[in-house]
PDB file of all heavy atoms in Angstrom:
ATOM      1  N   GLN A   1     -15.732  18.480 -16.158  1.00  0.00           N
ATOM      2  CA  GLN A   1     -15.195  19.743 -15.629  1.00  0.00           C
ATOM      3  C   GLN A   1     -14.087  20.337 -16.494  1.00  0.00           C
ATOM      4  O   GLN A   1     -13.765  21.513 -16.351  1.00  0.00           O
ATOM      5  CB  GLN A   1     -14.672  19.530 -14.207  1.00  0.00           C
ATOM      6  CG  GLN A   1     -15.760  19.359 -13.171  1.00  0.00           C
ATOM      7  CD  GLN A   1     -16.626  20.591 -13.048  1.00  0.00           C
ATOM      8  OE1 GLN A   1     -16.134  21.696 -12.852  1.00  0.00           O
ATOM      9  NE2 GLN A   1     -17.925  20.422 -13.190  1.00  0.00           N
ATOM     10  N   ASN A   2     -13.506  19.569 -17.378  1.00  0.00           N
ATOM     11  CA  ASN A   2     -12.419  20.052 -18.235  1.00  0.00           C
ATOM     12  C   ASN A   2     -13.012  20.898 -19.362  1.00  0.00           C
ATOM     13  O   ASN A   2     -13.625  20.382 -20.298  1.00  0.00           O
ATOM     14  CB  ASN A   2     -11.652  18.854 -18.797  1.00  0.00           C
ATOM     15  CG  ASN A   2     -10.434  19.269 -19.580  1.00  0.00           C
ATOM     16  OD1 ASN A   2     -10.274  20.431 -19.952  1.00  0.00           O
ATOM     17  ND2 ASN A   2      -9.563  18.311 -19.844  1.00  0.00           N
ATOM     18  N   THR A   3     -12.813  22.199 -19.298  1.00  0.00           N
ATOM     19  CA  THR A   3     -13.420  23.102 -20.285  1.00  0.00           C
ATOM     20  C   THR A   3     -12.912  22.856 -21.702  1.00  0.00           C
ATOM     21  O   THR A   3     -13.596  23.205 -22.656  1.00  0.00           O
ATOM     22  CB  THR A   3     -13.185  24.583 -19.906  1.00  0.00           C
ATOM     23  OG1 THR A   3     -11.786  24.811 -19.769  1.00  0.00           O
ATOM     24  CG2 THR A   3     -13.914  24.945 -18.631  1.00  0.00           C
ATOM     25  N   SER A   4     -11.740  22.247 -21.850  1.00  0.00           N
ATOM     26  CA  SER A   4     -11.246  21.980 -23.205  1.00  0.00           C
ATOM     27  C   SER A   4     -12.041  20.855 -23.879  1.00  0.00           C
ATOM     28  O   SER A   4     -11.925  20.653 -25.091  1.00  0.00           O
ATOM     29  CB  SER A   4      -9.754  21.639 -23.185  1.00  0.00           C
ATOM     30  OG  SER A   4      -9.534  20.437 -22.480  1.00  0.00           O
ATOM     31  N   ASN A   5     -12.864  20.125 -23.119  1.00  0.00           N
ATOM     32  CA  ASN A   5     -13.724  19.092 -23.699  1.00  0.00           C
ATOM     33  C   ASN A   5     -15.036  19.660 -24.234  1.00  0.00           C
ATOM     34  O   ASN A   5     -15.868  18.915 -24.749  1.00  0.00           O
ATOM     35  CB  ASN A   5     -14.040  18.007 -22.654  1.00  0.00           C
ATOM     36  CG  ASN A   5     -12.843  17.131 -22.368  1.00  0.00           C
ATOM     37  OD1 ASN A   5     -11.956  16.981 -23.204  1.00  0.00           O
ATOM     38  ND2 ASN A   5     -12.805  16.566 -21.169  1.00  0.00           N
ATOM     39  N   TRP A   6     -15.214  20.949 -24.087  1.00  0.00           N
ATOM     40  CA  TRP A   6     -16.439  21.612 -24.529  1.00  0.00           C
ATOM     41  C   TRP A   6     -16.117  22.549 -25.687  1.00  0.00           C
ATOM     42  O   TRP A   6     -15.066  23.155 -25.735  1.00  0.00           O
ATOM     43  CB  TRP A   6     -17.051  22.423 -23.385  1.00  0.00           C
ATOM     44  CG  TRP A   6     -17.508  21.588 -22.225  1.00  0.00           C
ATOM     45  CD1 TRP A   6     -16.753  21.124 -21.189  1.00  0.00           C
ATOM     46  CD2 TRP A   6     -18.822  21.106 -21.996  1.00  0.00           C
ATOM     47  NE1 TRP A   6     -17.510  20.397 -20.318  1.00  0.00           N
ATOM     48  CE2 TRP A   6     -18.794  20.362 -20.789  1.00  0.00           C
ATOM     49  CE3 TRP A   6     -20.029  21.228 -22.682  1.00  0.00           C
ATOM     50  CZ2 TRP A   6     -19.921  19.755 -20.263  1.00  0.00           C
ATOM     51  CZ3 TRP A   6     -21.154  20.618 -22.142  1.00  0.00           C
ATOM     52  CH2 TRP A   6     -21.098  19.891 -20.951  1.00  0.00           C
ATOM     53  N   GLY A   7     -17.060  22.684 -26.603  1.00  0.00           N
ATOM     54  CA  GLY A   7     -16.885  23.612 -27.719  1.00  0.00           C
ATOM     55  C   GLY A   7     -18.175  24.339 -28.005  1.00  0.00           C
ATOM     56  O   GLY A   7     -19.236  24.008 -27.474  1.00  0.00           O
ATOM     57  N   THR A   8     -18.083  25.335 -28.885  1.00  0.00           N
ATOM     58  CA  THR A   8     -19.272  26.128 -29.215  1.00  0.00           C
ATOM     59  C   THR A   8     -19.919  25.702 -30.527  1.00  0.00           C
ATOM     60  O   THR A   8     -20.925  26.266 -30.926  1.00  0.00           O
ATOM     61  CB  THR A   8     -18.926  27.625 -29.283  1.00  0.00           C
ATOM     62  OG1 THR A   8     -17.849  27.801 -30.204  1.00  0.00           O
ATOM     63  CG2 THR A   8     -18.536  28.152 -27.908  1.00  0.00           C
ATOM     64  N   SER A   9     -19.339  24.692 -31.194  1.00  0.00           N
ATOM     65  CA  SER A   9     -19.976  24.183 -32.409  1.00  0.00           C
ATOM     66  C   SER A   9     -20.094  22.664 -32.297  1.00  0.00           C
ATOM     67  O   SER A   9     -19.238  22.009 -31.705  1.00  0.00           O
ATOM     68  CB  SER A   9     -19.198  24.603 -33.648  1.00  0.00           C
ATOM     69  OG  SER A   9     -18.279  23.620 -34.024  1.00  0.00           O
ATOM     70  N   PRO A  10     -21.144  22.100 -32.878  1.00  0.00           N
ATOM     71  CA  PRO A  10     -21.360  20.668 -32.731  1.00  0.00           C
ATOM     72  C   PRO A  10     -20.370  19.815 -33.523  1.00  0.00           C
ATOM     73  O   PRO A  10     -20.182  18.640 -33.208  1.00  0.00           O
ATOM     74  CB  PRO A  10     -22.783  20.463 -33.232  1.00  0.00           C
ATOM     75  CG  PRO A  10     -23.054  21.614 -34.120  1.00  0.00           C
ATOM     76  CD  PRO A  10     -22.225  22.751 -33.591  1.00  0.00           C
ATOM     77  N   GLY A  11     -19.738  20.402 -34.526  1.00  0.00           N
ATOM     78  CA  GLY A  11     -18.824  19.615 -35.343  1.00  0.00           C
ATOM     79  C   GLY A  11     -19.564  18.430 -35.940  1.00  0.00           C
ATOM     80  O   GLY A  11     -20.604  18.584 -36.560  1.00  0.00           O
ATOM     81  N   THR A  12     -19.050  17.228 -35.709  1.00  0.00           N
ATOM     82  CA  THR A  12     -19.677  16.027 -36.269  1.00  0.00           C
ATOM     83  C   THR A  12     -20.541  15.293 -35.242  1.00  0.00           C
ATOM     84  O   THR A  12     -20.979  14.172 -35.500  1.00  0.00           O
ATOM     85  CB  THR A  12     -18.590  15.065 -36.789  1.00  0.00           C
ATOM     86  OG1 THR A  12     -17.725  14.718 -35.700  1.00  0.00           O
ATOM     87  CG2 THR A  12     -17.782  15.705 -37.904  1.00  0.00           C
ATOM     88  N   LEU A  13     -20.776  15.906 -34.092  1.00  0.00           N
ATOM     89  CA  LEU A  13     -21.577  15.251 -33.055  1.00  0.00           C
ATOM     90  C   LEU A  13     -23.017  15.050 -33.519  1.00  0.00           C
ATOM     91  O   LEU A  13     -23.604  15.906 -34.162  1.00  0.00           O
ATOM     92  CB  LEU A  13     -21.605  16.098 -31.778  1.00  0.00           C
ATOM     93  CG  LEU A  13     -20.337  16.166 -30.959  1.00  0.00           C
ATOM     94  CD1 LEU A  13     -20.532  17.126 -29.796  1.00  0.00           C
ATOM     95  CD2 LEU A  13     -19.960  14.793 -30.434  1.00  0.00           C
ATOM     96  N   GLU A  14     -23.565  13.909 -33.162  1.00  0.00           N
ATOM     97  CA  GLU A  14     -24.983  13.653 -33.369  1.00  0.00           C
ATOM     98  C   GLU A  14     -25.620  13.501 -31.991  1.00  0.00           C
ATOM     99  O   GLU A  14     -25.398  12.516 -31.299  1.00  0.00           O
ATOM    100  CB  GLU A  14     -25.186  12.399 -34.210  1.00  0.00           C
ATOM    101  CG  GLU A  14     -24.707  12.577 -35.633  1.00  0.00           C
ATOM    102  CD  GLU A  14     -24.990  11.356 -36.494  1.00  0.00           C
ATOM    103  OE1 GLU A  14     -25.896  10.571 -36.148  1.00  0.00           O
ATOM    104  OE2 GLU A  14     -24.295  11.211 -37.494  1.00  0.00           O
ATOM    105  N   CYS A  15     -26.378  14.494 -31.591  1.00  0.00           N
ATOM    106  CA  CYS A  15     -26.958  14.530 -30.250  1.00  0.00           C
ATOM    107  C   CYS A  15     -28.344  13.895 -30.265  1.00  0.00           C
ATOM    108  O   CYS A  15     -29.356  14.556 -30.054  1.00  0.00           O
ATOM    109  CB  CYS A  15     -27.026  15.976 -29.762  1.00  0.00           C
ATOM    110  SG  CYS A  15     -25.415  16.763 -29.627  1.00  0.00           S
ATOM    111  N   ASP A  16     -28.364  12.598 -30.530  1.00  0.00           N
ATOM    112  CA  ASP A  16     -29.652  11.914 -30.626  1.00  0.00           C
ATOM    113  C   ASP A  16     -29.670  10.615 -29.823  1.00  0.00           C
ATOM    114  O   ASP A  16     -30.371   9.682 -30.146  1.00  0.00           O
ATOM    115  CB  ASP A  16     -30.008  11.641 -32.086  1.00  0.00           C
ATOM    116  CG  ASP A  16     -28.947  10.803 -32.795  1.00  0.00           C
ATOM    117  OD1 ASP A  16     -27.935  10.440 -32.157  1.00  0.00           O
ATOM    118  OD2 ASP A  16     -29.128  10.509 -33.989  1.00  0.00           O
ATOM    119  N   GLY A  17     -28.904  10.586 -28.737  1.00  0.00           N
ATOM    120  CA  GLY A  17     -28.834   9.383 -27.911  1.00  0.00           C
ATOM    121  C   GLY A  17     -29.364   9.637 -26.514  1.00  0.00           C
ATOM    122  O   GLY A  17     -30.158  10.551 -26.287  1.00  0.00           O
ATOM    123  N   SER A  18     -28.863   8.823 -25.570  1.00  0.00           N
ATOM    124  CA  SER A  18     -29.346   8.970 -24.196  1.00  0.00           C
ATOM    125  C   SER A  18     -28.267   8.736 -23.136  1.00  0.00           C
ATOM    126  O   SER A  18     -28.549   8.859 -21.961  1.00  0.00           O
ATOM    127  CB  SER A  18     -30.504   8.006 -23.950  1.00  0.00           C
ATOM    128  OG  SER A  18     -30.059   6.670 -24.137  1.00  0.00           O
ATOM    129  N   SER A  19     -27.045   8.436 -23.543  1.00  0.00           N
ATOM    130  CA  SER A  19     -26.028   8.025 -22.564  1.00  0.00           C
ATOM    131  C   SER A  19     -25.148   9.150 -22.045  1.00  0.00           C
ATOM    132  O   SER A  19     -24.902   9.247 -20.848  1.00  0.00           O
ATOM    133  CB  SER A  19     -25.125   6.951 -23.172  1.00  0.00           C
ATOM    134  OG  SER A  19     -25.897   5.833 -23.520  1.00  0.00           O
ATOM    135  N   TYR A  20     -24.620   9.965 -22.934  1.00  0.00           N
ATOM    136  CA  TYR A  20     -23.627  10.971 -22.559  1.00  0.00           C
ATOM    137  C   TYR A  20     -24.119  12.369 -22.902  1.00  0.00           C
ATOM    138  O   TYR A  20     -24.891  12.564 -23.838  1.00  0.00           O
ATOM    139  CB  TYR A  20     -22.310  10.709 -23.297  1.00  0.00           C
ATOM    140  CG  TYR A  20     -21.797   9.309 -23.120  1.00  0.00           C
ATOM    141  CD1 TYR A  20     -21.854   8.394 -24.166  1.00  0.00           C
ATOM    142  CD2 TYR A  20     -21.274   8.891 -21.901  1.00  0.00           C
ATOM    143  CE1 TYR A  20     -21.399   7.092 -24.004  1.00  0.00           C
ATOM    144  CE2 TYR A  20     -20.814   7.588 -21.733  1.00  0.00           C
ATOM    145  CZ  TYR A  20     -20.881   6.697 -22.788  1.00  0.00           C
ATOM    146  OH  TYR A  20     -20.428   5.412 -22.627  1.00  0.00           O
ATOM    147  N   LEU A  21     -23.616  13.347 -22.143  1.00  0.00           N
ATOM    148  CA  LEU A  21     -23.953  14.742 -22.454  1.00  0.00           C
ATOM    149  C   LEU A  21     -23.496  15.067 -23.858  1.00  0.00           C
ATOM    150  O   LEU A  21     -22.457  14.593 -24.320  1.00  0.00           O
ATOM    151  CB  LEU A  21     -23.257  15.687 -21.471  1.00  0.00           C
ATOM    152  CG  LEU A  21     -23.715  15.627 -20.017  1.00  0.00           C
ATOM    153  CD1 LEU A  21     -22.796  16.477 -19.149  1.00  0.00           C
ATOM    154  CD2 LEU A  21     -25.151  16.088 -19.892  1.00  0.00           C
ATOM    155  N   CYS A  22     -24.249  15.898 -24.536  1.00  0.00           N
ATOM    156  CA  CYS A  22     -23.871  16.309 -25.881  1.00  0.00           C
ATOM    157  C   CYS A  22     -24.041  17.823 -26.014  1.00  0.00           C
ATOM    158  O   CYS A  22     -23.082  18.562 -25.954  1.00  0.00           O
ATOM    159  CB  CYS A  22     -24.711  15.565 -26.918  1.00  0.00           C
ATOM    160  SG  CYS A  22     -24.177  15.858 -28.616  1.00  0.00           S
ATOM    161  N   GLU A  23     -25.280  18.272 -26.171  1.00  0.00           N
ATOM    162  CA  GLU A  23     -25.566  19.700 -26.322  1.00  0.00           C
ATOM    163  C   GLU A  23     -26.186  20.215 -25.031  1.00  0.00           C
ATOM    164  O   GLU A  23     -27.183  19.666 -24.563  1.00  0.00           O
ATOM    165  CB  GLU A  23     -26.527  19.904 -27.489  1.00  0.00           C
ATOM    166  CG  GLU A  23     -26.888  21.356 -27.728  1.00  0.00           C
ATOM    167  CD  GLU A  23     -27.901  21.498 -28.850  1.00  0.00           C
ATOM    168  OE1 GLU A  23     -27.487  21.566 -30.004  1.00  0.00           O
ATOM    169  OE2 GLU A  23     -29.112  21.517 -28.538  1.00  0.00           O
ATOM    170  N   VAL A  24     -25.604  21.259 -24.471  1.00  0.00           N
ATOM    171  CA  VAL A  24     -26.091  21.824 -23.210  1.00  0.00           C
ATOM    172  C   VAL A  24     -26.292  23.321 -23.400  1.00  0.00           C
ATOM    173  O   VAL A  24     -25.393  24.018 -23.887  1.00  0.00           O
ATOM    174  CB  VAL A  24     -25.091  21.563 -22.061  1.00  0.00           C
ATOM    175  CG1 VAL A  24     -25.551  22.244 -20.785  1.00  0.00           C
ATOM    176  CG2 VAL A  24     -24.904  20.071 -21.837  1.00  0.00           C
ATOM    177  N   THR A  25     -27.456  23.814 -23.028  1.00  0.00           N
ATOM    178  CA  THR A  25     -27.741  25.246 -23.105  1.00  0.00           C
ATOM    179  C   THR A  25     -27.998  25.750 -21.688  1.00  0.00           C
ATOM    180  O   THR A  25     -28.791  25.174 -20.949  1.00  0.00           O
ATOM    181  CB  THR A  25     -28.973  25.519 -23.986  1.00  0.00           C
ATOM    182  OG1 THR A  25     -28.726  24.981 -25.294  1.00  0.00           O
ATOM    183  CG2 THR A  25     -29.245  27.010 -24.101  1.00  0.00           C
ATOM    184  N   PHE A  26     -27.283  26.829 -21.317  1.00  0.00           N
ATOM    185  CA  PHE A  26     -27.479  27.433 -19.994  1.00  0.00           C
ATOM    186  C   PHE A  26     -27.686  28.926 -20.155  1.00  0.00           C
ATOM    187  O   PHE A  26     -27.435  29.496 -21.216  1.00  0.00           O
ATOM    188  CB  PHE A  26     -26.299  27.121 -19.057  1.00  0.00           C
ATOM    189  CG  PHE A  26     -24.973  27.665 -19.504  1.00  0.00           C
ATOM    190  CD1 PHE A  26     -24.547  28.926 -19.134  1.00  0.00           C
ATOM    191  CD2 PHE A  26     -24.122  26.897 -20.304  1.00  0.00           C
ATOM    192  CE1 PHE A  26     -23.323  29.429 -19.538  1.00  0.00           C
ATOM    193  CE2 PHE A  26     -22.897  27.371 -20.719  1.00  0.00           C
ATOM    194  CZ  PHE A  26     -22.494  28.644 -20.338  1.00  0.00           C
ATOM    195  N   ASP A  27     -28.162  29.560 -19.091  1.00  0.00           N
ATOM    196  CA  ASP A  27     -28.479  30.991 -19.103  1.00  0.00           C
ATOM    197  C   ASP A  27     -27.271  31.797 -18.625  1.00  0.00           C
ATOM    198  O   ASP A  27     -26.806  31.632 -17.507  1.00  0.00           O
ATOM    199  CB  ASP A  27     -29.685  31.252 -18.201  1.00  0.00           C
ATOM    200  CG  ASP A  27     -30.143  32.696 -18.224  1.00  0.00           C
ATOM    201  OD1 ASP A  27     -29.581  33.512 -18.977  1.00  0.00           O
ATOM    202  OD2 ASP A  27     -31.079  33.018 -17.469  1.00  0.00           O
ATOM    203  N   ARG A  28     -26.771  32.684 -19.485  1.00  0.00           N
ATOM    204  CA  ARG A  28     -25.620  33.516 -19.107  1.00  0.00           C
ATOM    205  C   ARG A  28     -25.971  34.577 -18.069  1.00  0.00           C
ATOM    206  O   ARG A  28     -25.080  35.179 -17.488  1.00  0.00           O
ATOM    207  CB  ARG A  28     -25.000  34.166 -20.344  1.00  0.00           C
ATOM    208  CG  ARG A  28     -24.168  33.190 -21.140  1.00  0.00           C
ATOM    209  CD  ARG A  28     -23.410  33.884 -22.215  1.00  0.00           C
ATOM    210  NE  ARG A  28     -24.325  34.161 -23.317  1.00  0.00           N
ATOM    211  CZ  ARG A  28     -23.944  34.325 -24.565  1.00  0.00           C
ATOM    212  NH1 ARG A  28     -22.679  34.268 -24.881  1.00  0.00           N
ATOM    213  NH2 ARG A  28     -24.829  34.565 -25.505  1.00  0.00           N
ATOM    214  N   ASN A  29     -27.243  34.813 -17.827  1.00  0.00           N
ATOM    215  CA  ASN A  29     -27.620  35.717 -16.730  1.00  0.00           C
ATOM    216  C   ASN A  29     -27.396  35.043 -15.383  1.00  0.00           C
ATOM    217  O   ASN A  29     -27.197  35.706 -14.371  1.00  0.00           O
ATOM    218  CB  ASN A  29     -29.079  36.150 -16.852  1.00  0.00           C
ATOM    219  CG  ASN A  29     -29.300  37.072 -18.030  1.00  0.00           C
ATOM    220  OD1 ASN A  29     -28.451  37.891 -18.345  1.00  0.00           O
ATOM    221  ND2 ASN A  29     -30.417  36.928 -18.702  1.00  0.00           N
ATOM    222  N   THR A  30     -27.454  33.717 -15.368  1.00  0.00           N
ATOM    223  CA  THR A  30     -27.232  32.951 -14.143  1.00  0.00           C
ATOM    224  C   THR A  30     -25.772  32.545 -14.007  1.00  0.00           C
ATOM    225  O   THR A  30     -25.192  32.630 -12.936  1.00  0.00           O
ATOM    226  CB  THR A  30     -28.128  31.698 -14.132  1.00  0.00           C
ATOM    227  OG1 THR A  30     -29.477  32.102 -14.323  1.00  0.00           O
ATOM    228  CG2 THR A  30     -28.003  30.943 -12.821  1.00  0.00           C
ATOM    229  N   TYR A  31     -25.185  32.098 -15.103  1.00  0.00           N
ATOM    230  CA  TYR A  31     -23.780  31.658 -15.138  1.00  0.00           C
ATOM    231  C   TYR A  31     -23.081  32.475 -16.225  1.00  0.00           C
ATOM    232  O   TYR A  31     -23.434  32.366 -17.392  1.00  0.00           O
ATOM    233  CB  TYR A  31     -23.696  30.166 -15.475  1.00  0.00           C
ATOM    234  CG  TYR A  31     -24.585  29.298 -14.631  1.00  0.00           C
ATOM    235  CD1 TYR A  31     -25.802  28.823 -15.116  1.00  0.00           C
ATOM    236  CD2 TYR A  31     -24.220  28.944 -13.337  1.00  0.00           C
ATOM    237  CE1 TYR A  31     -26.621  28.016 -14.340  1.00  0.00           C
ATOM    238  CE2 TYR A  31     -25.031  28.143 -12.556  1.00  0.00           C
ATOM    239  CZ  TYR A  31     -26.239  27.685 -13.071  1.00  0.00           C
ATOM    240  OH  TYR A  31     -27.044  26.895 -12.297  1.00  0.00           O
ATOM    241  N   SER A  32     -22.109  33.276 -15.845  1.00  0.00           N
ATOM    242  CA  SER A  32     -21.500  34.210 -16.790  1.00  0.00           C
ATOM    243  C   SER A  32     -20.766  33.535 -17.942  1.00  0.00           C
ATOM    244  O   SER A  32     -20.661  34.087 -19.029  1.00  0.00           O
ATOM    245  CB  SER A  32     -20.551  35.160 -16.053  1.00  0.00           C
ATOM    246  OG  SER A  32     -19.555  34.408 -15.381  1.00  0.00           O
ATOM    247  N   ASN A  33     -20.257  32.331 -17.706  1.00  0.00           N
ATOM    248  CA  ASN A  33     -19.522  31.626 -18.763  1.00  0.00           C
ATOM    249  C   ASN A  33     -19.533  30.135 -18.463  1.00  0.00           C
ATOM    250  O   ASN A  33     -20.087  29.690 -17.460  1.00  0.00           O
ATOM    251  CB  ASN A  33     -18.087  32.163 -18.891  1.00  0.00           C
ATOM    252  CG  ASN A  33     -17.338  32.100 -17.575  1.00  0.00           C
ATOM    253  OD1 ASN A  33     -17.489  31.159 -16.796  1.00  0.00           O
ATOM    254  ND2 ASN A  33     -16.531  33.118 -17.299  1.00  0.00           N
ATOM    255  N   LEU A  34     -18.899  29.363 -19.339  1.00  0.00           N
ATOM    256  CA  LEU A  34     -18.884  27.910 -19.175  1.00  0.00           C
ATOM    257  C   LEU A  34     -18.223  27.495 -17.868  1.00  0.00           C
ATOM    258  O   LEU A  34     -18.719  26.605 -17.170  1.00  0.00           O
ATOM    259  CB  LEU A  34     -18.167  27.258 -20.371  1.00  0.00           C
ATOM    260  CG  LEU A  34     -17.993  25.745 -20.297  1.00  0.00           C
ATOM    261  CD1 LEU A  34     -19.342  25.036 -20.214  1.00  0.00           C
ATOM    262  CD2 LEU A  34     -17.181  25.251 -21.479  1.00  0.00           C
ATOM    263  N   SER A  35     -17.121  28.134 -17.515  1.00  0.00           N
ATOM    264  CA  SER A  35     -16.436  27.779 -16.267  1.00  0.00           C
ATOM    265  C   SER A  35     -17.342  27.955 -15.057  1.00  0.00           C
ATOM    266  O   SER A  35     -17.382  27.106 -14.166  1.00  0.00           O
ATOM    267  CB  SER A  35     -15.176  28.623 -16.091  1.00  0.00           C
ATOM    268  OG  SER A  35     -14.233  28.289 -17.074  1.00  0.00           O
ATOM    269  N   ALA A  36     -18.076  29.056 -15.017  1.00  0.00           N
ATOM    270  CA  ALA A  36     -18.999  29.305 -13.900  1.00  0.00           C
ATOM    271  C   ALA A  36     -20.112  28.251 -13.876  1.00  0.00           C
ATOM    272  O   ALA A  36     -20.498  27.765 -12.808  1.00  0.00           O
ATOM    273  CB  ALA A  36     -19.593  30.703 -14.005  1.00  0.00           C
TER     274      ALA A  36
END
């Protein structure tokens, strides 16, 4: 829930695992922003 833990660039993240959230894509027509 802490928005400061989220960013708009992957940086050095490798999103090729199965344990923790990494890359998330949502629809801005449904949710206006990350907080929503």
